[in-house]
Amino acid sequence: MELASIFIVSLVALVVNVPLGRWRASVPKFSFLWFLAVHLSIPLIVYLRIKTHLGISYIPVTIAFAVLGQYLGGLFYTIE
């Protein structure tokens, strides 16, 4: 069950951060909106980690997928 929880939380972190990364790429760097786009998904990811009882050892995995989502969203913005 833990492997399924890791997969689901990581996938949600990735999918949620793609549109946020696209938005982040369209606003001025280090502005309030940029900061908001980078950090808006964190409460959702923390909530899902708590509800699925994932330990702190899985924080790097969820962060990596969130960063990947931000990167892909920014990449999609620059391709357009």
C-alpha atoms as a PDB file:
ATOM      1  CA  MET A   1       0.000   0.000   0.000  1.00  0.00           C
ATOM      2  CA  GLU A   2       2.865   2.370   0.742  1.00  0.00           C
ATOM      3  CA  LEU A   3       4.208   2.070  -2.804  1.00  0.00           C
ATOM      4  CA  ALA A   4       0.802   3.039  -4.192  1.00  0.00           C
ATOM      5  CA  SER A   5       0.680   6.045  -1.858  1.00  0.00           C
ATOM      6  CA  ILE A   6       4.131   7.180  -2.967  1.00  0.00           C
ATOM      7  CA  PHE A   7       3.094   6.854  -6.605  1.00  0.00           C
ATOM      8  CA  ILE A   8      -0.188   8.744  -6.151  1.00  0.00           C
ATOM      9  CA  VAL A   9       1.266  11.611  -4.102  1.00  0.00           C
ATOM     10  CA  SER A  10       4.223  11.966  -6.490  1.00  0.00           C
ATOM     11  CA  LEU A  11       1.943  11.936  -9.524  1.00  0.00           C
ATOM     12  CA  VAL A  12      -0.325  14.575  -7.967  1.00  0.00           C
ATOM     13  CA  ALA A  13       2.730  16.720  -7.169  1.00  0.00           C
ATOM     14  CA  LEU A  14       3.847  16.460 -10.793  1.00  0.00           C
ATOM     15  CA  VAL A  15       0.442  17.118 -12.372  1.00  0.00           C
ATOM     16  CA  VAL A  16      -0.440  20.040 -10.092  1.00  0.00           C
ATOM     17  CA  ASN A  17       2.904  21.734 -10.678  1.00  0.00           C
ATOM     18  CA  VAL A  18       2.834  21.644 -14.496  1.00  0.00           C
ATOM     19  CA  PRO A  19       0.257  24.468 -14.827  1.00  0.00           C
ATOM     20  CA  LEU A  20       1.880  26.292 -11.910  1.00  0.00           C
ATOM     21  CA  GLY A  21       5.244  26.056 -13.670  1.00  0.00           C
ATOM     22  CA  ARG A  22       3.706  27.402 -16.855  1.00  0.00           C
ATOM     23  CA  TRP A  23       2.266  30.302 -14.874  1.00  0.00           C
ATOM     24  CA  ARG A  24       5.598  30.834 -13.071  1.00  0.00           C
ATOM     25  CA  ALA A  25       7.394  31.147 -16.404  1.00  0.00           C
ATOM     26  CA  SER A  26       5.018  33.918 -17.506  1.00  0.00           C
ATOM     27  CA  VAL A  27       5.487  36.243 -14.513  1.00  0.00           C
ATOM     28  CA  PRO A  28       8.535  38.331 -13.533  1.00  0.00           C
ATOM     29  CA  LYS A  29      11.177  36.321 -11.696  1.00  0.00           C
ATOM     30  CA  PHE A  30      11.166  36.652  -7.885  1.00  0.00           C
ATOM     31  CA  SER A  31       7.928  38.661  -7.886  1.00  0.00           C
ATOM     32  CA  PHE A  32       5.070  37.876  -5.517  1.00  0.00           C
ATOM     33  CA  LEU A  33       3.231  35.937  -8.243  1.00  0.00           C
ATOM     34  CA  TRP A  34       6.379  33.948  -9.027  1.00  0.00           C
ATOM     35  CA  PHE A  35       6.727  33.066  -5.336  1.00  0.00           C
ATOM     36  CA  LEU A  36       3.053  32.099  -5.230  1.00  0.00           C
ATOM     37  CA  ALA A  37       3.364  29.883  -8.322  1.00  0.00           C
ATOM     38  CA  VAL A  38       6.350  28.072  -6.815  1.00  0.00           C
ATOM     39  CA  HIS A  39       4.828  27.482  -3.374  1.00  0.00           C
ATOM     40  CA  LEU A  40       1.073  27.150  -3.990  1.00  0.00           C
ATOM     41  CA  SER A  41       1.119  23.359  -4.289  1.00  0.00           C
ATOM     42  CA  ILE A  42       2.993  22.732  -1.030  1.00  0.00           C
ATOM     43  CA  PRO A  43      -0.061  22.661   1.303  1.00  0.00           C
ATOM     44  CA  LEU A  44      -1.786  20.113  -0.953  1.00  0.00           C
ATOM     45  CA  ILE A  45       1.286  17.887  -1.101  1.00  0.00           C
ATOM     46  CA  VAL A  46       1.777  18.062   2.679  1.00  0.00           C
ATOM     47  CA  TYR A  47      -1.910  17.257   3.233  1.00  0.00           C
ATOM     48  CA  LEU A  48      -1.711  14.227   0.929  1.00  0.00           C
ATOM     49  CA  ARG A  49       1.489  13.019   2.599  1.00  0.00           C
ATOM     50  CA  ILE A  50      -0.156  13.250   6.019  1.00  0.00           C
ATOM     51  CA  LYS A  51      -3.362  11.520   4.901  1.00  0.00           C
ATOM     52  CA  THR A  52      -1.440   8.671   3.249  1.00  0.00           C
ATOM     53  CA  HIS A  53       0.893   8.319   6.269  1.00  0.00           C
ATOM     54  CA  LEU A  54       4.067   8.781   4.236  1.00  0.00           C
ATOM     55  CA  GLY A  55       7.089   9.350   6.434  1.00  0.00           C
ATOM     56  CA  ILE A  56       9.557  12.186   6.210  1.00  0.00           C
ATOM     57  CA  SER A  57      11.925   9.980   4.235  1.00  0.00           C
ATOM     58  CA  TYR A  58       9.666  10.462   1.188  1.00  0.00           C
ATOM     59  CA  ILE A  59       9.814  14.268   1.217  1.00  0.00           C
ATOM     60  CA  PRO A  60      12.699  14.331  -1.322  1.00  0.00           C
ATOM     61  CA  VAL A  61      10.660  12.179  -3.713  1.00  0.00           C
ATOM     62  CA  THR A  62       7.647  14.490  -3.633  1.00  0.00           C
ATOM     63  CA  ILE A  63       9.878  17.572  -3.919  1.00  0.00           C
ATOM     64  CA  ALA A  64      11.624  16.053  -6.937  1.00  0.00           C
ATOM     65  CA  PHE A  65       8.313  15.420  -8.693  1.00  0.00           C
ATOM     66  CA  ALA A  66       7.074  18.930  -7.839  1.00  0.00           C
ATOM     67  CA  VAL A  67      10.271  20.453  -9.251  1.00  0.00           C
ATOM     68  CA  LEU A  68       9.939  18.282 -12.356  1.00  0.00           C
ATOM     69  CA  GLY A  69       6.370  19.551 -12.802  1.00  0.00           C
ATOM     70  CA  GLN A  70       7.553  23.159 -12.447  1.00  0.00           C
ATOM     71  CA  TYR A  71      10.306  22.520 -14.988  1.00  0.00           C
ATOM     72  CA  LEU A  72       7.969  20.866 -17.501  1.00  0.00           C
ATOM     73  CA  GLY A  73       5.419  23.658 -17.112  1.00  0.00           C
ATOM     74  CA  GLY A  74       8.112  26.274 -17.752  1.00  0.00           C
ATOM     75  CA  LEU A  75       9.332  24.274 -20.731  1.00  0.00           C
ATOM     76  CA  PHE A  76       5.815  24.108 -22.186  1.00  0.00           C
ATOM     77  CA  TYR A  77       5.526  27.888 -21.795  1.00  0.00           C
ATOM     78  CA  THR A  78       8.789  28.560 -23.647  1.00  0.00           C
ATOM     79  CA  ILE A  79       7.892  26.153 -26.466  1.00  0.00           C
ATOM     80  CA  GLU A  80       4.667  28.026 -27.267  1.00  0.00           C
END
